[in-house]
Amino acid sequence: MNTLFDDILTTVQPWSQQMIAEWRDIFPSQHGASLEDFVVRECRRRDARIDMRTVVGQSEHYAGQSWREAALAPQYRQDKMRGVFELYERHPDYYFNGDLDNGIMLSSIDGTHWYTDGGGSHRTVLARFACDRIARQTGRYPLVRGVSTCHYQADMQAWDLFCQLSQLSERHAAVIFVRVRREELPPRLVPGGTDITWRLRFFVVDRRFGGVPRAEHIDAVRFCAYARHVLAHDGKPSWSDRVLDWRIGDQERLVYQSGA
């Protein structure tokens, strides 16, 4: 009977020609911040069951190779890749009966596309091929059992407005400065894992009115309202903004209309 390695050599599946994506590319950096700075929740789960067809990439290791290249000519730790193939032939149920014991760690930013991040990169490669062959033989695609997952959820609205506001400020001689930081809240235990949450805090310096700049620490809701107001006026203070600037003597308050 042919081994799994033999099957990969002789049977080229279209999906196996796809490039393994790089996990770090999911977190772009712009204007002094990264999308990672806008993550407000991590949903960590243990002993999950995963459809390996949803795994599209890894953190380093085999990223940049096709899945087939990673199996047949791995650019990282060829000895470990050879070892998991040998283990699979001796113990083919390893990935499906719980013995995996969180030996594959997957991360996602959208909860749909997963990346090996933190452990199990070689097991992930093998599991994709093993599941595919089982599906071709039985007509049923199996789920890998005992995977550790982390679903990162970012405040995409705040990130998008931060990028737009930063770009606008660059066009107007950097009249607005924004810095973001995260405040971690107590973790919460949930069935099968842990949820970790953060609160976003923004420090904004606004020099659009001349003289002493206005500066304020605000939360994500107020930042989004401020950014939308400034963007709606293309960064130029409106007549009503200048009236408010004159009326509000406290320089630690930004000038904007929350309904804008």
Protein backbone atom coordinates (compact mmCIF):
# COMPACT_ATOMS: atom_id res chain seq x y z
CA MET A 1 0.00 0.00 0.00
CA ASN A 2 1.31 3.41 -0.93
CA THR A 3 2.30 5.74 1.87
CA LEU A 4 0.98 9.29 2.20
CA PHE A 5 4.34 10.55 0.93
CA ASP A 6 4.00 8.31 -2.16
CA ASP A 7 0.54 9.73 -2.76
CA ILE A 8 1.86 13.30 -2.69
CA LEU A 9 4.59 12.36 -5.18
CA THR A 10 2.23 10.74 -7.65
CA THR A 11 -0.98 12.77 -7.22
CA VAL A 12 -0.83 16.53 -7.72
CA GLN A 13 -3.95 18.20 -6.30
CA PRO A 14 -4.71 21.77 -7.50
CA TRP A 15 -4.90 23.13 -3.94
CA SER A 16 -1.41 21.76 -3.19
CA GLN A 17 0.05 24.21 -5.72
CA GLN A 18 -1.24 27.22 -3.80
CA MET A 19 1.32 29.29 -1.92
CA ILE A 20 1.33 29.17 1.87
CA ALA A 21 0.55 32.71 3.02
CA GLU A 22 2.50 34.58 5.72
CA TRP A 23 0.61 35.28 8.96
CA ARG A 24 2.41 38.54 9.71
CA ASP A 25 1.13 40.00 6.42
CA ILE A 26 -2.34 39.99 7.98
CA PHE A 27 -1.23 42.83 10.30
CA PRO A 28 -0.21 45.74 8.06
CA SER A 29 1.68 48.66 9.60
CA GLN A 30 0.91 52.24 8.60
CA HIS A 31 1.57 55.68 10.05
CA GLY A 32 3.40 54.41 13.11
CA ALA A 33 0.81 51.79 14.10
CA SER A 34 -0.13 48.24 13.19
CA LEU A 35 -3.52 46.60 12.84
CA GLU A 36 -2.33 44.48 15.77
CA ASP A 37 -2.54 47.63 17.93
CA PHE A 38 -6.27 47.69 17.20
CA VAL A 39 -7.01 44.13 18.33
CA VAL A 40 -9.67 44.38 21.02
CA ARG A 41 -10.38 40.70 21.63
CA GLU A 42 -8.64 37.34 21.53
CA CYS A 43 -10.82 34.23 21.68
CA ARG A 44 -8.53 31.37 22.66
CA ARG A 45 -9.86 27.81 22.46
CA ARG A 46 -8.36 24.39 23.12
CA ASP A 47 -9.18 20.97 21.70
CA ALA A 48 -11.01 22.40 18.70
CA ARG A 49 -11.97 20.45 15.60
CA ILE A 50 -10.74 22.06 12.39
CA ASP A 51 -11.39 21.61 8.69
CA MET A 52 -7.83 21.82 7.37
CA ARG A 53 -9.05 23.28 4.09
CA THR A 54 -9.53 26.55 6.00
CA VAL A 55 -5.80 26.73 6.83
CA VAL A 56 -4.19 29.05 4.31
CA GLY A 57 -0.85 30.05 5.82
CA GLN A 58 1.77 30.00 8.54
CA SER A 59 4.01 32.22 10.57
CA GLU A 60 7.39 31.97 8.76
CA HIS A 61 8.62 28.35 8.41
CA TYR A 62 6.96 27.20 5.13
CA ALA A 63 5.33 30.49 4.15
CA GLY A 64 6.18 31.31 0.54
CA GLN A 65 6.33 27.67 -0.55
CA SER A 66 3.45 25.76 -2.07
CA TRP A 67 1.92 23.09 0.15
CA ARG A 68 3.41 20.41 -2.09
CA GLU A 69 6.86 22.01 -1.96
CA ALA A 70 6.64 22.18 1.83
CA ALA A 71 5.93 18.45 1.98
CA LEU A 72 8.48 17.28 -0.59
CA ALA A 73 11.27 19.87 -0.26
CA PRO A 74 10.68 21.76 3.01
CA GLN A 75 12.68 24.94 3.45
CA TYR A 76 12.55 24.54 7.25
CA ARG A 77 13.53 21.56 9.40
CA GLN A 78 13.49 18.75 6.86
CA ASP A 79 14.16 16.28 9.66
CA LYS A 80 10.95 17.26 11.48
CA MET A 81 8.89 17.02 8.31
CA ARG A 82 10.30 13.56 7.67
CA GLY A 83 9.51 12.62 11.26
CA VAL A 84 5.82 13.53 11.09
CA PHE A 85 5.40 11.48 7.91
CA GLU A 86 7.00 8.49 9.62
CA LEU A 87 4.77 8.95 12.68
CA TYR A 88 1.68 9.14 10.51
CA GLU A 89 2.39 5.77 8.89
CA ARG A 90 2.78 4.16 12.34
CA HIS A 91 -0.15 6.00 13.91
CA PRO A 92 -2.59 7.26 11.21
CA ASP A 93 -5.31 8.11 13.77
CA TYR A 94 -3.02 10.61 15.57
CA TYR A 95 -4.73 13.65 14.06
CA PHE A 96 -8.27 12.41 14.58
CA ASN A 97 -8.53 10.70 18.00
CA GLY A 98 -7.31 13.47 20.35
CA ASP A 99 -3.67 12.38 20.63
CA LEU A 100 -2.69 15.60 18.85
CA ASP A 101 -3.31 17.32 22.22
CA ASN A 102 -3.19 20.93 20.92
CA GLY A 103 -0.04 20.17 18.92
CA ILE A 104 -1.26 22.50 16.17
CA MET A 105 -1.83 26.16 17.04
CA LEU A 106 -3.91 28.20 14.59
CA SER A 107 -4.66 31.92 14.49
CA SER A 108 -7.17 33.94 12.48
CA ILE A 109 -8.21 37.57 12.07
CA ASP A 110 -11.58 36.80 10.47
CA GLY A 111 -12.51 33.45 12.01
CA THR A 112 -12.59 31.85 8.55
CA HIS A 113 -9.00 31.71 7.25
CA TRP A 114 -6.49 30.15 9.63
CA TYR A 115 -2.70 30.29 9.95
CA THR A 116 -0.32 28.07 11.90
CA ASP A 117 1.15 30.37 14.54
CA GLY A 118 3.04 29.20 17.58
CA GLY A 119 3.44 25.50 16.91
CA GLY A 120 2.65 22.61 14.59
CA SER A 121 3.73 24.02 11.23
CA HIS A 122 4.98 20.65 9.93
CA ARG A 123 1.93 18.81 11.35
CA THR A 124 -0.30 21.29 9.54
CA VAL A 125 1.31 20.49 6.20
CA LEU A 126 0.92 16.75 6.71
CA ALA A 127 -2.65 17.06 8.01
CA ARG A 128 -3.76 18.94 4.89
CA PHE A 129 -2.53 16.10 2.69
CA ALA A 130 -3.78 13.35 5.02
CA CYS A 131 -7.29 14.81 5.16
CA ASP A 132 -7.37 15.27 1.39
CA ARG A 133 -6.39 11.64 0.74
CA ILE A 134 -8.96 10.33 3.25
CA ALA A 135 -11.64 12.43 1.54
CA ARG A 136 -10.70 11.01 -1.87
CA GLN A 137 -10.80 7.48 -0.49
CA THR A 138 -13.99 7.71 1.60
CA GLY A 139 -15.91 10.66 0.17
CA ARG A 140 -15.89 12.34 3.59
CA TYR A 141 -13.48 15.10 4.62
CA PRO A 142 -12.38 14.49 8.24
CA LEU A 143 -11.86 17.15 10.89
CA VAL A 144 -8.57 17.28 12.77
CA ARG A 145 -9.19 16.97 16.49
CA GLY A 146 -7.30 18.66 19.33
CA VAL A 147 -6.26 21.97 17.74
CA SER A 148 -5.56 25.13 19.72
CA THR A 149 -7.05 28.26 18.12
CA CYS A 150 -6.87 32.01 18.64
CA HIS A 151 -9.32 34.30 16.88
CA TYR A 152 -8.10 37.91 16.92
CA GLN A 153 -10.80 40.54 16.54
CA ALA A 154 -9.75 44.07 15.64
CA ASP A 155 -11.69 47.34 15.70
CA MET A 156 -11.63 47.70 11.93
CA GLN A 157 -13.64 50.94 11.97
CA ALA A 158 -11.13 52.65 14.27
CA TRP A 159 -8.21 51.28 12.21
CA ASP A 160 -9.67 52.54 8.94
CA LEU A 161 -10.40 55.99 10.37
CA PHE A 162 -6.93 56.15 11.95
CA CYS A 163 -5.34 55.46 8.55
CA GLN A 164 -7.55 57.99 6.75
CA LEU A 165 -6.92 60.67 9.37
CA SER A 166 -3.16 60.05 9.30
CA GLN A 167 -3.09 60.31 5.50
CA LEU A 168 -5.08 63.54 5.60
CA SER A 169 -2.76 64.99 8.23
CA GLU A 170 0.27 64.17 6.07
CA ARG A 171 -1.29 66.19 3.24
CA HIS A 172 -1.81 69.13 5.60
CA ALA A 173 1.67 69.43 7.13
CA ALA A 174 1.03 66.96 9.96
CA VAL A 175 -1.42 69.21 11.81
CA ILE A 176 -2.95 66.23 13.63
CA PHE A 177 -1.02 63.65 15.64
CA VAL A 178 -2.62 60.41 16.85
CA ARG A 179 -1.23 57.70 19.10
CA VAL A 180 -3.12 54.57 20.11
CA ARG A 181 -2.58 52.20 23.00
CA ARG A 182 -4.46 49.26 24.47
CA GLU A 183 -5.62 48.74 28.05
CA GLU A 184 -6.00 45.04 28.88
CA LEU A 185 -9.11 44.07 30.82
CA PRO A 186 -9.39 41.03 33.12
CA PRO A 187 -9.53 37.78 31.08
CA ARG A 188 -12.76 35.82 31.10
CA LEU A 189 -12.92 32.04 31.24
CA VAL A 190 -15.42 30.53 28.81
CA PRO A 191 -16.23 26.91 27.94
CA GLY A 192 -13.19 25.50 26.18
CA GLY A 193 -10.94 28.48 26.58
CA THR A 194 -10.35 32.10 27.50
CA ASP A 195 -11.41 35.47 26.10
CA ILE A 196 -8.97 38.36 26.48
CA THR A 197 -10.20 41.88 25.78
CA TRP A 198 -8.64 45.33 25.46
CA ARG A 199 -9.96 48.87 25.50
CA LEU A 200 -8.50 51.26 22.94
CA ARG A 201 -7.32 54.67 24.10
CA PHE A 202 -6.26 57.45 21.75
CA PHE A 203 -4.13 60.52 22.36
CA VAL A 204 -4.88 63.20 19.77
CA VAL A 205 -3.03 66.48 19.24
CA ASP A 206 -4.83 68.96 16.96
CA ARG A 207 -2.83 71.95 15.63
CA ARG A 208 -5.35 73.08 13.02
CA PHE A 209 -6.40 76.23 14.90
CA GLY A 210 -2.93 77.72 15.40
CA GLY A 211 -1.52 78.87 18.71
CA VAL A 212 -1.52 76.33 21.54
CA PRO A 213 -2.58 72.93 20.11
CA ARG A 214 -5.55 71.09 21.50
CA ALA A 215 -4.85 67.63 22.95
CA GLU A 216 -7.09 65.02 24.53
CA HIS A 217 -7.14 61.37 25.60
CA ILE A 218 -10.30 59.74 24.20
CA ASP A 219 -11.84 56.29 23.81
CA ALA A 220 -12.53 54.53 20.52
CA VAL A 221 -16.11 55.81 20.17
CA ARG A 222 -15.08 59.43 20.58
CA PHE A 223 -12.04 58.98 18.35
CA CYS A 224 -14.22 57.65 15.53
CA ALA A 225 -16.62 60.57 15.93
CA TYR A 226 -13.73 63.06 15.91
CA ALA A 227 -12.07 61.43 12.88
CA ARG A 228 -15.32 61.36 10.89
CA HIS A 229 -15.90 65.04 11.66
CA VAL A 230 -12.40 66.09 10.56
CA LEU A 231 -12.50 63.92 7.44
CA ALA A 232 -15.92 65.29 6.45
CA HIS A 233 -14.36 68.75 6.28
CA ASP A 234 -11.13 67.56 4.60
CA GLY A 235 -9.16 68.56 7.69
CA LYS A 236 -10.10 72.23 7.44
CA PRO A 237 -11.87 73.77 10.46
CA SER A 238 -15.34 74.94 9.55
CA TRP A 239 -16.76 78.29 10.67
CA SER A 240 -18.61 76.56 13.52
CA ASP A 241 -15.41 74.76 14.51
CA ARG A 242 -13.63 78.12 14.84
CA VAL A 243 -16.47 79.47 16.94
CA LEU A 244 -16.22 76.45 19.24
CA ASP A 245 -12.44 76.85 19.40
CA TRP A 246 -12.94 80.43 20.59
CA ARG A 247 -15.66 79.45 23.10
CA ILE A 248 -13.88 76.39 24.57
CA GLY A 249 -10.99 77.72 26.57
CA ASP A 250 -9.84 74.30 27.81
CA GLN A 251 -7.00 73.23 25.49
CA GLU A 252 -7.37 69.62 26.70
CA ARG A 253 -10.62 69.30 24.74
CA LEU A 254 -10.85 68.59 21.01
CA VAL A 255 -13.23 70.52 18.81
CA TYR A 256 -15.68 68.34 16.88
CA GLN A 257 -19.37 67.58 16.56
CA SER A 258 -20.12 63.98 17.54
CA GLY A 259 -23.04 63.81 15.15
CA ALA A 260 -20.93 64.61 12.09
